[in-house]
């Protein structure tokens, strides 16, 4: 058994699903950087990611309606947005170590691409796109229910708010103070491929500071800390 075959077989084992077309799974695990380096008609997972996003969104929507039959459409939309967000899907990908099975280019390997939320989220979506194409929606839903449903409820139960913190903070500050939060990068450290950002969030005279591996992550954490200061969380 080749290294590639072993890698595909291990992913199938984690999903408890055997692909009829192994090429679909191979493509679902292939990052653009790897496909670019190989150049031999190797396809990346971007289209599968696009499809998987819709498949997962529908599965999560069904499960939310079952679990919270009395919540409003607006509330269900907010919870779904949180559960299918990049950080949440990256956590699901980490729970079965999908990052270890990715085919990455040399640059992405060097920059620890298998640990990045953005890539882990993408591959999680692409795998479900591939399952849908290899079988059907019901199979994809069954796999999600069996392997990931308990994990996604745990993510929901452990969060202090399922609302996007930046959006939530802006909603609060516009309503209560008639201002919007101001974010500023106050420090960048580390090499280009592995930076850490320190972001300041300011609302009137209140200031919160947070660190993150991306500006987006640091801003979200700074917004969360500001919500704590305001007594919202």
Protein backbone atom coordinates (compact mmCIF):
# COMPACT_ATOMS: atom_id res chain seq x y z
CA UNK A 1 0.00 0.00 0.00
CA UNK A 2 1.40 3.39 -1.01
CA UNK A 3 1.60 6.40 1.31
CA UNK A 4 -1.28 8.05 -0.57
CA UNK A 5 -3.44 4.93 -0.34
CA UNK A 6 -2.71 4.63 3.38
CA UNK A 7 -3.62 8.27 3.94
CA UNK A 8 -6.95 7.90 2.11
CA UNK A 9 -7.77 4.69 3.95
CA UNK A 10 -7.18 6.32 7.33
CA UNK A 11 -9.52 9.20 6.47
CA UNK A 12 -12.18 6.70 5.38
CA UNK A 13 -11.74 4.91 8.69
CA UNK A 14 -12.32 8.12 10.63
CA UNK A 15 -15.50 8.76 8.63
CA UNK A 16 -16.63 5.10 8.69
CA UNK A 17 -17.24 5.50 4.98
CA UNK A 18 -15.51 3.92 1.98
CA UNK A 19 -15.44 6.05 -1.16
CA UNK A 20 -16.51 4.34 -4.38
CA UNK A 21 -14.37 6.85 -6.27
CA UNK A 22 -11.09 7.32 -4.38
CA UNK A 23 -10.13 10.19 -6.69
CA UNK A 24 -12.89 12.28 -5.12
CA UNK A 25 -11.35 11.87 -1.67
CA UNK A 26 -7.87 12.55 -3.03
CA UNK A 27 -9.09 15.79 -4.57
CA UNK A 28 -10.93 16.74 -1.36
CA UNK A 29 -7.62 16.58 0.52
CA UNK A 30 -5.57 18.44 -2.09
CA UNK A 31 -4.75 22.07 -1.32
CA UNK A 32 -4.19 24.55 -4.17
CA UNK A 33 -0.48 24.82 -3.26
CA UNK A 34 0.07 21.08 -3.82
CA UNK A 35 -1.87 21.06 -7.09
CA UNK A 36 0.13 24.06 -8.32
CA UNK A 37 3.45 22.37 -7.58
CA UNK A 38 2.51 19.09 -9.26
CA UNK A 39 1.01 20.68 -12.40
CA UNK A 40 0.13 17.23 -13.79
CA UNK A 41 -3.61 17.74 -14.06
CA UNK A 42 -3.92 17.55 -10.27
CA UNK A 43 -7.18 19.12 -9.13
CA UNK A 44 -7.56 20.99 -5.84
CA UNK A 45 -10.49 21.00 -3.44
CA UNK A 46 -11.89 24.50 -4.06
CA UNK A 47 -15.01 23.39 -5.97
CA UNK A 48 -15.71 20.64 -3.43
CA UNK A 49 -15.34 23.21 -0.66
CA UNK A 50 -18.00 25.36 -2.34
CA UNK A 51 -20.36 22.39 -2.55
CA UNK A 52 -19.60 21.12 0.94
CA UNK A 53 -20.41 24.51 2.44
CA UNK A 54 -24.00 24.13 1.20
CA UNK A 55 -24.24 20.47 2.26
CA UNK A 56 -23.07 21.22 5.81
CA UNK A 57 -25.28 24.29 6.03
CA UNK A 58 -28.35 22.23 5.19
CA UNK A 59 -27.43 19.43 7.62
CA UNK A 60 -26.88 21.91 10.46
CA UNK A 61 -30.12 23.74 9.62
CA UNK A 62 -32.10 20.49 9.89
CA UNK A 63 -30.45 19.57 13.18
CA UNK A 64 -31.08 23.02 14.68
CA UNK A 65 -34.79 22.90 13.83
CA UNK A 66 -34.99 19.46 15.49
CA UNK A 67 -33.08 20.57 18.60
CA UNK A 68 -34.63 24.04 19.01
CA UNK A 69 -38.19 23.86 17.62
CA UNK A 70 -39.27 27.01 19.47
CA UNK A 71 -36.46 29.37 18.46
CA UNK A 72 -37.12 32.11 15.91
CA UNK A 73 -35.72 32.12 12.38
CA UNK A 74 -33.38 34.96 13.33
CA UNK A 75 -31.98 33.11 16.32
CA UNK A 76 -31.55 29.87 14.36
CA UNK A 77 -29.71 31.80 11.64
CA UNK A 78 -27.29 33.24 14.20
CA UNK A 79 -26.61 29.83 15.75
CA UNK A 80 -26.12 28.25 12.33
CA UNK A 81 -23.71 31.01 11.29
CA UNK A 82 -21.67 30.33 14.42
CA UNK A 83 -21.66 26.54 13.96
CA UNK A 84 -20.61 26.66 10.29
CA UNK A 85 -18.06 29.44 10.84
CA UNK A 86 -14.37 28.92 10.16
CA UNK A 87 -13.36 28.44 13.84
CA UNK A 88 -16.14 25.91 14.53
CA UNK A 89 -15.54 23.78 11.43
CA UNK A 90 -11.78 23.93 12.06
CA UNK A 91 -12.43 22.45 15.52
CA UNK A 92 -14.41 19.62 13.96
CA UNK A 93 -11.58 18.99 11.49
CA UNK A 94 -9.06 18.90 14.35
CA UNK A 95 -11.23 16.44 16.28
CA UNK A 96 -10.42 13.79 13.66
CA UNK A 97 -6.99 15.19 12.73
CA UNK A 98 -7.88 15.98 9.09
CA UNK A 99 -4.86 18.29 8.92
CA UNK A 100 -2.47 15.34 9.01
CA UNK A 101 -3.94 13.92 5.80
CA UNK A 102 -3.80 17.06 3.68
CA UNK A 103 -1.70 17.26 0.53
CA UNK A 104 0.05 20.62 0.86
CA UNK A 105 2.69 22.41 -1.15
CA UNK A 106 6.14 22.98 0.35
CA UNK A 107 5.36 26.58 1.28
CA UNK A 108 2.20 25.63 3.15
CA UNK A 109 3.98 22.80 4.93
CA UNK A 110 6.66 25.26 6.04
CA UNK A 111 4.06 27.73 7.29
CA UNK A 112 2.25 24.93 9.19
CA UNK A 113 -0.76 25.03 6.92
CA UNK A 114 -2.22 21.87 8.41
CA UNK A 115 -2.83 23.83 11.64
CA UNK A 116 -4.50 26.89 10.07
CA UNK A 117 -8.19 27.39 10.78
CA UNK A 118 -8.82 28.60 7.24
CA UNK A 119 -7.38 25.46 5.63
CA UNK A 120 -8.93 23.06 8.14
CA UNK A 121 -12.35 24.64 7.61
CA UNK A 122 -11.90 24.38 3.83
CA UNK A 123 -10.93 20.71 3.91
CA UNK A 124 -13.81 19.85 6.23
CA UNK A 125 -16.22 21.39 3.73
CA UNK A 126 -14.48 19.79 0.74
CA UNK A 127 -14.69 16.31 2.26
CA UNK A 128 -18.44 16.66 2.70
CA UNK A 129 -18.70 17.93 -0.86
CA UNK A 130 -16.85 14.81 -1.98
CA UNK A 131 -19.09 12.52 0.08
CA UNK A 132 -22.15 14.14 -1.48
CA UNK A 133 -20.78 13.57 -5.00
CA UNK A 134 -19.69 10.00 -4.22
CA UNK A 135 -23.06 9.08 -2.71
CA UNK A 136 -25.90 11.47 -1.79
CA UNK A 137 -27.11 13.97 0.77
CA UNK A 138 -28.54 11.35 3.12
CA UNK A 139 -25.17 9.60 3.35
CA UNK A 140 -23.42 12.89 4.08
CA UNK A 141 -25.99 13.65 6.78
CA UNK A 142 -25.61 10.21 8.37
CA UNK A 143 -21.83 10.58 8.54
CA UNK A 144 -22.16 14.05 10.07
CA UNK A 145 -24.67 12.75 12.64
CA UNK A 146 -22.50 9.77 13.56
CA UNK A 147 -19.08 11.41 13.72
CA UNK A 148 -19.60 15.12 14.34
CA UNK A 149 -23.03 15.92 15.76
CA UNK A 150 -22.10 15.44 19.43
CA UNK A 151 -18.94 17.47 18.84
CA UNK A 152 -20.83 20.39 17.32
CA UNK A 153 -23.31 20.49 20.24
CA UNK A 154 -20.32 20.53 22.59
CA UNK A 155 -18.89 23.54 20.72
CA UNK A 156 -22.24 25.30 21.07
CA UNK A 157 -22.58 24.46 24.76
CA UNK A 158 -19.08 25.68 25.57
CA UNK A 159 -19.38 29.10 23.90
CA UNK A 160 -20.48 32.15 25.87
CA UNK A 161 -22.21 33.64 22.85
CA UNK A 162 -22.99 32.21 19.44
CA UNK A 163 -23.16 35.70 18.00
CA UNK A 164 -20.25 37.06 15.98
CA UNK A 165 -18.46 39.15 18.62
CA UNK A 166 -17.47 42.01 16.31
CA UNK A 167 -20.99 42.34 14.91
CA UNK A 168 -22.55 41.95 18.36
CA UNK A 169 -20.26 44.61 19.85
CA UNK A 170 -21.04 47.05 17.06
CA UNK A 171 -24.77 46.44 17.55
CA UNK A 172 -24.44 47.17 21.27
CA UNK A 173 -22.23 50.26 20.93
CA UNK A 174 -24.35 51.82 18.19
CA UNK A 175 -27.48 51.27 20.26
CA UNK A 176 -26.11 52.40 23.63
CA UNK A 177 -23.33 54.88 22.80
CA UNK A 178 -24.06 55.95 19.19
CA UNK A 179 -20.47 55.01 18.21
CA UNK A 180 -18.77 52.08 16.52
CA UNK A 181 -15.70 50.23 17.86
CA UNK A 182 -12.31 51.26 16.49
CA UNK A 183 -9.71 48.52 15.89
CA UNK A 184 -5.98 49.15 15.54
CA UNK A 185 -2.99 46.87 15.05
CA UNK A 186 -0.53 47.76 17.80
CA UNK A 187 2.01 44.99 17.25
CA UNK A 188 3.05 42.34 14.71
CA UNK A 189 5.62 39.70 15.60
CA UNK A 190 7.02 36.60 13.92
CA UNK A 191 8.07 35.67 10.39
CA UNK A 192 5.83 36.47 7.42
CA UNK A 193 4.40 32.93 7.24
CA UNK A 194 3.63 32.73 10.98
CA UNK A 195 2.77 36.16 12.34
CA UNK A 196 0.96 37.01 15.56
CA UNK A 197 -1.07 40.20 15.71
CA UNK A 198 -1.95 42.33 18.72
CA UNK A 199 -5.14 44.33 18.20
CA UNK A 200 -6.56 47.16 20.27
CA UNK A 201 -10.31 47.70 20.38
CA UNK A 202 -11.54 51.09 21.58
CA UNK A 203 -15.07 52.19 22.50
CA UNK A 204 -15.06 55.77 23.80
CA UNK A 205 -12.51 55.59 26.64
CA UNK A 206 -12.69 51.83 27.10
CA UNK A 207 -9.85 49.75 25.61
CA UNK A 208 -9.36 46.02 25.19
CA UNK A 209 -6.35 44.22 23.71
CA UNK A 210 -6.02 40.70 22.28
CA UNK A 211 -3.57 38.56 20.33
CA UNK A 212 -4.29 36.27 17.39
CA UNK A 213 -2.68 34.39 14.51
CA UNK A 214 -4.54 36.66 12.08
CA UNK A 215 -5.96 40.18 12.27
CA UNK A 216 -9.45 38.72 12.02
CA UNK A 217 -8.92 36.36 14.95
CA UNK A 218 -7.34 39.08 17.11
CA UNK A 219 -10.19 41.51 16.35
CA UNK A 220 -12.78 38.91 17.34
CA UNK A 221 -10.97 38.23 20.62
CA UNK A 222 -10.58 41.96 21.32
CA UNK A 223 -14.30 42.43 20.66
CA UNK A 224 -15.09 39.56 23.03
CA UNK A 225 -12.96 41.18 25.75
CA UNK A 226 -14.74 44.49 25.18
CA UNK A 227 -18.11 42.77 25.59
CA UNK A 228 -16.79 41.43 28.91
CA UNK A 229 -15.81 44.97 29.98
CA UNK A 230 -19.28 46.20 29.07
CA UNK A 231 -20.85 43.44 31.18
CA UNK A 232 -22.51 41.79 28.18
CA UNK A 233 -20.66 38.47 28.51
